């Protein structure tokens, strides 16, 4: 009986998936909009067991999209101790599977320690738009590795103010600050340039008004934040710390 309860607890931890909303252009199902709101996983069970990473590209991706994924992953090979190696479908390994989606971009956060729940693949679904942006591919890959969003780290209220009046209530959970008992920042300063930071108008009812403002000398000011170009040095530092690079 206790074994069943423990396994059910693991299911609740590792089986959830989440789908992103970039610049309010991707339709999100209500049930899927309340995950992935922390910074970096503390739980070692949800980190990949070694630095050798395997990935597969769906045949639905165009040659250009496949090239974009390979180029995006090369950054981790070059700037961290992780090594992403492409494999074929028949490879008997746990791997990250990059798939095409008509309307969603997202993935489960962290490693699934119970293989039978998800088979051998850890799926990342991406729209054509997301596949055209290296930073979005890297953003989702950082979720795979165990990073959550920058604006939800436990100390975020010292750095930003959230305008909940401009956010549909069903998406408030996207902006929840988390406890430092479950996640860690690895002492990296708050990073507005993180590829894991939402843009200033994320999930906005009125996109002309920000949902996130920066705190400068105690005053809330509008500024650009987040980007879809490449991981920041802070993002890469967290990966190196998580995987003992």
C-alpha atoms as a PDB file:
ATOM      1  CA  UNK A   1       0.000   0.000   0.000  1.00  0.00           C
ATOM      2  CA  UNK A   2       2.733   2.484   0.931  1.00  0.00           C
ATOM      3  CA  UNK A   3       4.540   1.697  -2.307  1.00  0.00           C
ATOM      4  CA  UNK A   4       1.389   2.570  -4.267  1.00  0.00           C
ATOM      5  CA  UNK A   5       1.033   5.866  -2.387  1.00  0.00           C
ATOM      6  CA  UNK A   6       4.669   6.773  -3.033  1.00  0.00           C
ATOM      7  CA  UNK A   7       4.318   5.985  -6.735  1.00  0.00           C
ATOM      8  CA  UNK A   8       1.158   8.070  -6.980  1.00  0.00           C
ATOM      9  CA  UNK A   9       3.055  10.940  -5.375  1.00  0.00           C
ATOM     10  CA  UNK A  10       5.789  10.597  -7.967  1.00  0.00           C
ATOM     11  CA  UNK A  11       3.186  10.632 -10.728  1.00  0.00           C
ATOM     12  CA  UNK A  12       1.850  13.951  -9.474  1.00  0.00           C
ATOM     13  CA  UNK A  13       5.359  15.394  -9.418  1.00  0.00           C
ATOM     14  CA  UNK A  14       6.715  14.263 -12.757  1.00  0.00           C
ATOM     15  CA  UNK A  15       3.831  13.687 -15.145  1.00  0.00           C
ATOM     16  CA  UNK A  16       2.579  17.256 -15.601  1.00  0.00           C
ATOM     17  CA  UNK A  17       3.239  19.202 -18.764  1.00  0.00           C
ATOM     18  CA  UNK A  18       3.033  22.905 -19.379  1.00  0.00           C
ATOM     19  CA  UNK A  19       2.533  25.012 -22.471  1.00  0.00           C
ATOM     20  CA  UNK A  20       4.031  28.455 -22.945  1.00  0.00           C
ATOM     21  CA  UNK A  21       2.489  31.727 -24.025  1.00  0.00           C
ATOM     22  CA  UNK A  22       4.967  33.907 -25.875  1.00  0.00           C
ATOM     23  CA  UNK A  23       3.750  37.481 -26.339  1.00  0.00           C
ATOM     24  CA  UNK A  24       0.149  36.302 -25.952  1.00  0.00           C
ATOM     25  CA  UNK A  25       0.183  34.566 -29.330  1.00  0.00           C
ATOM     26  CA  UNK A  26      -0.304  30.934 -28.328  1.00  0.00           C
ATOM     27  CA  UNK A  27      -3.638  29.601 -27.140  1.00  0.00           C
ATOM     28  CA  UNK A  28      -3.323  27.956 -23.723  1.00  0.00           C
ATOM     29  CA  UNK A  29      -5.742  25.424 -22.243  1.00  0.00           C
ATOM     30  CA  UNK A  30      -6.857  26.431 -18.751  1.00  0.00           C
ATOM     31  CA  UNK A  31      -5.845  23.108 -17.196  1.00  0.00           C
ATOM     32  CA  UNK A  32      -2.287  23.482 -18.464  1.00  0.00           C
ATOM     33  CA  UNK A  33      -1.566  27.011 -17.294  1.00  0.00           C
ATOM     34  CA  UNK A  34      -0.520  26.458 -13.694  1.00  0.00           C
ATOM     35  CA  UNK A  35       2.839  24.679 -13.883  1.00  0.00           C
ATOM     36  CA  UNK A  36       6.461  25.741 -14.335  1.00  0.00           C
ATOM     37  CA  UNK A  37       6.521  28.803 -12.091  1.00  0.00           C
ATOM     38  CA  UNK A  38       9.681  28.360 -10.039  1.00  0.00           C
ATOM     39  CA  UNK A  39      13.392  28.925 -10.742  1.00  0.00           C
ATOM     40  CA  UNK A  40      15.772  25.942 -10.381  1.00  0.00           C
ATOM     41  CA  UNK A  41      14.833  22.543  -8.993  1.00  0.00           C
ATOM     42  CA  UNK A  42      16.294  21.570  -5.631  1.00  0.00           C
ATOM     43  CA  UNK A  43      15.187  17.927  -5.942  1.00  0.00           C
ATOM     44  CA  UNK A  44      18.117  15.867  -7.346  1.00  0.00           C
ATOM     45  CA  UNK A  45      15.677  13.188  -8.583  1.00  0.00           C
ATOM     46  CA  UNK A  46      14.403  15.661 -11.173  1.00  0.00           C
ATOM     47  CA  UNK A  47      17.821  16.434 -12.625  1.00  0.00           C
ATOM     48  CA  UNK A  48      19.121  14.342 -15.500  1.00  0.00           C
ATOM     49  CA  UNK A  49      21.396  11.615 -14.154  1.00  0.00           C
ATOM     50  CA  UNK A  50      24.475  12.580 -16.160  1.00  0.00           C
ATOM     51  CA  UNK A  51      25.812  15.253 -18.486  1.00  0.00           C
ATOM     52  CA  UNK A  52      25.473  13.153 -21.655  1.00  0.00           C
ATOM     53  CA  UNK A  53      22.125  14.152 -23.162  1.00  0.00           C
ATOM     54  CA  UNK A  54      20.452  12.472 -26.119  1.00  0.00           C
ATOM     55  CA  UNK A  55      17.828  14.038 -28.354  1.00  0.00           C
ATOM     56  CA  UNK A  56      15.691  13.132 -31.340  1.00  0.00           C
ATOM     57  CA  UNK A  57      14.037  15.343 -33.977  1.00  0.00           C
ATOM     58  CA  UNK A  58      10.569  14.514 -35.291  1.00  0.00           C
ATOM     59  CA  UNK A  59      10.257  13.882 -39.024  1.00  0.00           C
ATOM     60  CA  UNK A  60       7.538  16.567 -39.024  1.00  0.00           C
ATOM     61  CA  UNK A  61      10.220  19.241 -38.617  1.00  0.00           C
ATOM     62  CA  UNK A  62      11.529  20.850 -41.805  1.00  0.00           C
ATOM     63  CA  UNK A  63      15.230  20.764 -42.585  1.00  0.00           C
ATOM     64  CA  UNK A  64      15.499  24.396 -41.482  1.00  0.00           C
ATOM     65  CA  UNK A  65      13.701  23.694 -38.202  1.00  0.00           C
ATOM     66  CA  UNK A  66      15.965  20.720 -37.508  1.00  0.00           C
ATOM     67  CA  UNK A  67      18.973  22.931 -38.168  1.00  0.00           C
ATOM     68  CA  UNK A  68      17.578  25.536 -35.748  1.00  0.00           C
ATOM     69  CA  UNK A  69      17.244  22.951 -32.962  1.00  0.00           C
ATOM     70  CA  UNK A  70      20.752  21.617 -33.541  1.00  0.00           C
ATOM     71  CA  UNK A  71      22.208  25.128 -33.480  1.00  0.00           C
ATOM     72  CA  UNK A  72      20.266  26.020 -30.323  1.00  0.00           C
ATOM     73  CA  UNK A  73      21.529  22.927 -28.487  1.00  0.00           C
ATOM     74  CA  UNK A  74      25.108  23.556 -29.599  1.00  0.00           C
ATOM     75  CA  UNK A  75      25.217  26.474 -27.150  1.00  0.00           C
ATOM     76  CA  UNK A  76      24.920  24.046 -24.229  1.00  0.00           C
ATOM     77  CA  UNK A  77      27.605  21.796 -25.696  1.00  0.00           C
ATOM     78  CA  UNK A  78      29.948  24.770 -26.060  1.00  0.00           C
ATOM     79  CA  UNK A  79      29.243  26.656 -22.828  1.00  0.00           C
ATOM     80  CA  UNK A  80      28.383  23.976 -20.253  1.00  0.00           C
ATOM     81  CA  UNK A  81      29.537  20.445 -19.485  1.00  0.00           C
ATOM     82  CA  UNK A  82      26.331  19.018 -20.977  1.00  0.00           C
ATOM     83  CA  UNK A  83      26.692  17.255 -24.308  1.00  0.00           C
ATOM     84  CA  UNK A  84      23.588  16.908 -26.502  1.00  0.00           C
ATOM     85  CA  UNK A  85      23.915  14.100 -29.050  1.00  0.00           C
ATOM     86  CA  UNK A  86      21.302  13.414 -31.735  1.00  0.00           C
ATOM     87  CA  UNK A  87      19.953   9.845 -31.907  1.00  0.00           C
ATOM     88  CA  UNK A  88      17.595   7.861 -34.115  1.00  0.00           C
ATOM     89  CA  UNK A  89      14.205   6.563 -33.006  1.00  0.00           C
ATOM     90  CA  UNK A  90      15.538   3.066 -32.386  1.00  0.00           C
ATOM     91  CA  UNK A  91      18.173   4.239 -29.893  1.00  0.00           C
ATOM     92  CA  UNK A  92      17.558   2.448 -26.535  1.00  0.00           C
ATOM     93  CA  UNK A  93      18.205   5.524 -24.405  1.00  0.00           C
ATOM     94  CA  UNK A  94      16.280   8.175 -22.481  1.00  0.00           C
ATOM     95  CA  UNK A  95      16.159  11.156 -24.797  1.00  0.00           C
ATOM     96  CA  UNK A  96      14.577  14.574 -25.390  1.00  0.00           C
ATOM     97  CA  UNK A  97      12.145  14.491 -28.302  1.00  0.00           C
ATOM     98  CA  UNK A  98      11.530  17.760 -30.204  1.00  0.00           C
ATOM     99  CA  UNK A  99       8.105  17.589 -31.879  1.00  0.00           C
ATOM    100  CA  UNK A 100       5.932  19.886 -33.989  1.00  0.00           C
ATOM    101  CA  UNK A 101       2.672  21.347 -32.648  1.00  0.00           C
ATOM    102  CA  UNK A 102       0.109  23.543 -34.448  1.00  0.00           C
ATOM    103  CA  UNK A 103      -0.609  25.786 -31.466  1.00  0.00           C
ATOM    104  CA  UNK A 104       1.477  25.008 -28.368  1.00  0.00           C
ATOM    105  CA  UNK A 105       5.036  25.316 -27.120  1.00  0.00           C
ATOM    106  CA  UNK A 106       6.039  23.565 -23.933  1.00  0.00           C
ATOM    107  CA  UNK A 107       7.429  20.646 -22.002  1.00  0.00           C
ATOM    108  CA  UNK A 108       7.572  18.964 -18.605  1.00  0.00           C
ATOM    109  CA  UNK A 109      10.077  20.472 -16.159  1.00  0.00           C
ATOM    110  CA  UNK A 110      13.017  18.347 -15.091  1.00  0.00           C
ATOM    111  CA  UNK A 111      13.887  14.676 -15.461  1.00  0.00           C
ATOM    112  CA  UNK A 112      11.215  11.989 -15.093  1.00  0.00           C
ATOM    113  CA  UNK A 113      12.707   9.465 -12.630  1.00  0.00           C
ATOM    114  CA  UNK A 114       9.961   6.903 -13.362  1.00  0.00           C
ATOM    115  CA  UNK A 115      10.484   5.811 -17.018  1.00  0.00           C
ATOM    116  CA  UNK A 116       7.256   3.835 -17.332  1.00  0.00           C
ATOM    117  CA  UNK A 117       5.248   7.044 -16.935  1.00  0.00           C
ATOM    118  CA  UNK A 118       6.655   8.632 -20.044  1.00  0.00           C
ATOM    119  CA  UNK A 119       8.521   5.953 -21.891  1.00  0.00           C
ATOM    120  CA  UNK A 120      11.994   6.710 -23.141  1.00  0.00           C
ATOM    121  CA  UNK A 121      11.258  10.179 -24.494  1.00  0.00           C
ATOM    122  CA  UNK A 122      10.866  13.541 -22.791  1.00  0.00           C
ATOM    123  CA  UNK A 123       8.740  15.487 -25.268  1.00  0.00           C
ATOM    124  CA  UNK A 124       9.208  19.142 -26.180  1.00  0.00           C
ATOM    125  CA  UNK A 125       6.424  20.471 -28.419  1.00  0.00           C
ATOM    126  CA  UNK A 126       7.050  23.582 -30.516  1.00  0.00           C
ATOM    127  CA  UNK A 127       5.092  25.584 -33.067  1.00  0.00           C
ATOM    128  CA  UNK A 128       6.661  26.793 -36.287  1.00  0.00           C
ATOM    129  CA  UNK A 129       7.190  30.200 -34.687  1.00  0.00           C
ATOM    130  CA  UNK A 130       8.901  28.729 -31.636  1.00  0.00           C
ATOM    131  CA  UNK A 131      11.085  26.588 -33.891  1.00  0.00           C
ATOM    132  CA  UNK A 132      12.250  29.749 -35.666  1.00  0.00           C
ATOM    133  CA  UNK A 133      13.640  31.312 -32.458  1.00  0.00           C
ATOM    134  CA  UNK A 134      16.807  29.853 -30.930  1.00  0.00           C
ATOM    135  CA  UNK A 135      16.011  31.453 -27.580  1.00  0.00           C
ATOM    136  CA  UNK A 136      12.604  29.776 -27.362  1.00  0.00           C
ATOM    137  CA  UNK A 137      14.083  26.364 -28.163  1.00  0.00           C
ATOM    138  CA  UNK A 138      16.717  27.005 -25.471  1.00  0.00           C
ATOM    139  CA  UNK A 139      14.052  28.277 -23.039  1.00  0.00           C
ATOM    140  CA  UNK A 140      12.138  25.005 -23.344  1.00  0.00           C
ATOM    141  CA  UNK A 141      15.356  22.991 -23.127  1.00  0.00           C
ATOM    142  CA  UNK A 142      16.250  24.808 -19.904  1.00  0.00           C
ATOM    143  CA  UNK A 143      12.867  23.727 -18.536  1.00  0.00           C
ATOM    144  CA  UNK A 144      13.781  20.147 -19.489  1.00  0.00           C
ATOM    145  CA  UNK A 145      17.026  20.543 -17.548  1.00  0.00           C
ATOM    146  CA  UNK A 146      15.189  21.825 -14.463  1.00  0.00           C
ATOM    147  CA  UNK A 147      14.921  25.623 -14.671  1.00  0.00           C
ATOM    148  CA  UNK A 148      11.697  27.508 -14.058  1.00  0.00           C
ATOM    149  CA  UNK A 149      10.841  31.140 -14.822  1.00  0.00           C
ATOM    150  CA  UNK A 150      12.979  34.006 -13.565  1.00  0.00           C
ATOM    151  CA  UNK A 151      10.031  36.222 -12.525  1.00  0.00           C
ATOM    152  CA  UNK A 152       8.819  33.502 -10.126  1.00  0.00           C
ATOM    153  CA  UNK A 153      11.981  33.065  -8.053  1.00  0.00           C
ATOM    154  CA  UNK A 154      11.461  33.422  -4.307  1.00  0.00           C
ATOM    155  CA  UNK A 155      13.051  36.906  -4.110  1.00  0.00           C
ATOM    156  CA  UNK A 156      11.260  38.377  -7.115  1.00  0.00           C
ATOM    157  CA  UNK A 157       9.178  40.840  -5.029  1.00  0.00           C
ATOM    158  CA  UNK A 158      12.416  42.704  -4.334  1.00  0.00           C
ATOM    159  CA  UNK A 159      12.846  43.259  -8.076  1.00  0.00           C
ATOM    160  CA  UNK A 160       9.487  43.371  -9.850  1.00  0.00           C
ATOM    161  CA  UNK A 161       5.816  44.235  -9.321  1.00  0.00           C
ATOM    162  CA  UNK A 162       3.068  42.173 -10.952  1.00  0.00           C
ATOM    163  CA  UNK A 163      -0.098  43.922 -12.214  1.00  0.00           C
ATOM    164  CA  UNK A 164      -2.695  41.241 -11.605  1.00  0.00           C
ATOM    165  CA  UNK A 165      -5.483  43.563 -12.770  1.00  0.00           C
ATOM    166  CA  UNK A 166      -4.109  43.213 -16.298  1.00  0.00           C
ATOM    167  CA  UNK A 167      -3.839  39.392 -16.135  1.00  0.00           C
ATOM    168  CA  UNK A 168      -6.773  36.954 -16.539  1.00  0.00           C
ATOM    169  CA  UNK A 169      -7.311  35.243 -13.215  1.00  0.00           C
ATOM    170  CA  UNK A 170      -6.779  31.777 -14.721  1.00  0.00           C
ATOM    171  CA  UNK A 171      -3.156  32.772 -15.429  1.00  0.00           C
ATOM    172  CA  UNK A 172      -2.313  34.289 -12.040  1.00  0.00           C
ATOM    173  CA  UNK A 173      -0.498  31.106 -11.084  1.00  0.00           C
ATOM    174  CA  UNK A 174       2.065  31.886 -13.791  1.00  0.00           C
ATOM    175  CA  UNK A 175       3.284  34.771 -11.642  1.00  0.00           C
ATOM    176  CA  UNK A 176       3.400  33.050  -8.262  1.00  0.00           C
ATOM    177  CA  UNK A 177       6.644  33.478  -6.309  1.00  0.00           C
ATOM    178  CA  UNK A 178       7.867  30.210  -4.849  1.00  0.00           C
ATOM    179  CA  UNK A 179       9.483  29.219  -1.575  1.00  0.00           C
ATOM    180  CA  UNK A 180      13.251  28.882  -1.364  1.00  0.00           C
ATOM    181  CA  UNK A 181      12.716  25.462   0.257  1.00  0.00           C
ATOM    182  CA  UNK A 182      11.723  23.915  -3.101  1.00  0.00           C
ATOM    183  CA  UNK A 183      13.908  25.903  -5.480  1.00  0.00           C
ATOM    184  CA  UNK A 184      17.197  27.754  -5.537  1.00  0.00           C
ATOM    185  CA  UNK A 185      18.630  30.761  -7.379  1.00  0.00           C
ATOM    186  CA  UNK A 186      22.242  29.577  -6.862  1.00  0.00           C
ATOM    187  CA  UNK A 187      22.825  33.134  -5.625  1.00  0.00           C
ATOM    188  CA  UNK A 188      22.588  34.485  -9.174  1.00  0.00           C
ATOM    189  CA  UNK A 189      21.404  38.137  -9.104  1.00  0.00           C
ATOM    190  CA  UNK A 190      17.926  38.785 -10.486  1.00  0.00           C
ATOM    191  CA  UNK A 191      18.325  38.659 -14.254  1.00  0.00           C
ATOM    192  CA  UNK A 192      16.052  40.764 -16.480  1.00  0.00           C
ATOM    193  CA  UNK A 193      18.050  39.504 -19.473  1.00  0.00           C
ATOM    194  CA  UNK A 194      17.379  35.831 -18.718  1.00  0.00           C
ATOM    195  CA  UNK A 195      15.879  33.814 -21.536  1.00  0.00           C
ATOM    196  CA  UNK A 196      13.696  32.367 -18.747  1.00  0.00           C
ATOM    197  CA  UNK A 197      12.153  35.770 -17.925  1.00  0.00           C
ATOM    198  CA  UNK A 198       8.719  36.574 -19.309  1.00  0.00           C
ATOM    199  CA  UNK A 199       8.386  39.756 -21.406  1.00  0.00           C
ATOM    200  CA  UNK A 200       6.950  42.819 -19.709  1.00  0.00           C
ATOM    201  CA  UNK A 201       3.436  42.273 -21.143  1.00  0.00           C
ATOM    202  CA  UNK A 202       3.159  38.496 -20.738  1.00  0.00           C
ATOM    203  CA  UNK A 203      -0.448  37.227 -20.435  1.00  0.00           C
ATOM    204  CA  UNK A 204      -1.732  40.821 -20.613  1.00  0.00           C
ATOM    205  CA  UNK A 205      -5.423  41.538 -21.102  1.00  0.00           C
ATOM    206  CA  UNK A 206      -4.253  44.804 -22.665  1.00  0.00           C
ATOM    207  CA  UNK A 207      -0.855  44.135 -24.325  1.00  0.00           C
ATOM    208  CA  UNK A 208      -0.146  47.870 -24.520  1.00  0.00           C
ATOM    209  CA  UNK A 209       0.240  47.863 -20.728  1.00  0.00           C
ATOM    210  CA  UNK A 210       2.856  45.815 -18.850  1.00  0.00           C
ATOM    211  CA  UNK A 211       1.958  43.000 -16.509  1.00  0.00           C
ATOM    212  CA  UNK A 212       5.470  43.091 -14.975  1.00  0.00           C
ATOM    213  CA  UNK A 213       7.254  46.278 -13.897  1.00  0.00           C
ATOM    214  CA  UNK A 214      10.779  46.572 -12.547  1.00  0.00           C
ATOM    215  CA  UNK A 215      11.471  48.046  -9.113  1.00  0.00           C
ATOM    216  CA  UNK A 216      14.068  50.827  -9.237  1.00  0.00           C
ATOM    217  CA  UNK A 217      14.803  52.508  -5.898  1.00  0.00           C
ATOM    218  CA  UNK A 218      11.435  51.278  -4.666  1.00  0.00           C
ATOM    219  CA  UNK A 219       9.481  52.661  -7.635  1.00  0.00           C
ATOM    220  CA  UNK A 220       7.785  50.501 -10.279  1.00  0.00           C
ATOM    221  CA  UNK A 221       9.008  51.413 -13.759  1.00  0.00           C
ATOM    222  CA  UNK A 222       8.365  49.976 -17.203  1.00  0.00           C
ATOM    223  CA  UNK A 223      11.352  48.394 -18.926  1.00  0.00           C
ATOM    224  CA  UNK A 224      12.113  45.649 -21.410  1.00  0.00           C
ATOM    225  CA  UNK A 225      12.705  42.227 -19.865  1.00  0.00           C
ATOM    226  CA  UNK A 226      13.198  38.729 -21.156  1.00  0.00           C
ATOM    227  CA  UNK A 227      14.419  37.865 -24.648  1.00  0.00           C
ATOM    228  CA  UNK A 228      14.385  35.029 -27.182  1.00  0.00           C
ATOM    229  CA  UNK A 229      17.968  35.268 -28.453  1.00  0.00           C
ATOM    230  CA  UNK A 230      20.083  33.015 -26.211  1.00  0.00           C
ATOM    231  CA  UNK A 231      20.600  31.955 -22.584  1.00  0.00           C
ATOM    232  CA  UNK A 232      22.114  34.666 -20.419  1.00  0.00           C
ATOM    233  CA  UNK A 233      25.294  34.052 -18.459  1.00  0.00           C
ATOM    234  CA  UNK A 234      23.098  33.657 -15.369  1.00  0.00           C
ATOM    235  CA  UNK A 235      21.045  30.930 -17.081  1.00  0.00           C
ATOM    236  CA  UNK A 236      24.188  29.048 -18.080  1.00  0.00           C
ATOM    237  CA  UNK A 237      25.710  29.463 -14.614  1.00  0.00           C
ATOM    238  CA  UNK A 238      22.671  27.786 -13.048  1.00  0.00           C
ATOM    239  CA  UNK A 239      22.979  24.850 -15.456  1.00  0.00           C
ATOM    240  CA  UNK A 240      26.667  24.481 -14.594  1.00  0.00           C
ATOM    241  CA  UNK A 241      25.834  24.508 -10.892  1.00  0.00           C
ATOM    242  CA  UNK A 242      22.969  22.023 -11.224  1.00  0.00           C
ATOM    243  CA  UNK A 243      25.096  19.535 -13.152  1.00  0.00           C
ATOM    244  CA  UNK A 244      28.363  20.075 -11.277  1.00  0.00           C
ATOM    245  CA  UNK A 245      30.197  21.320 -14.340  1.00  0.00           C
END
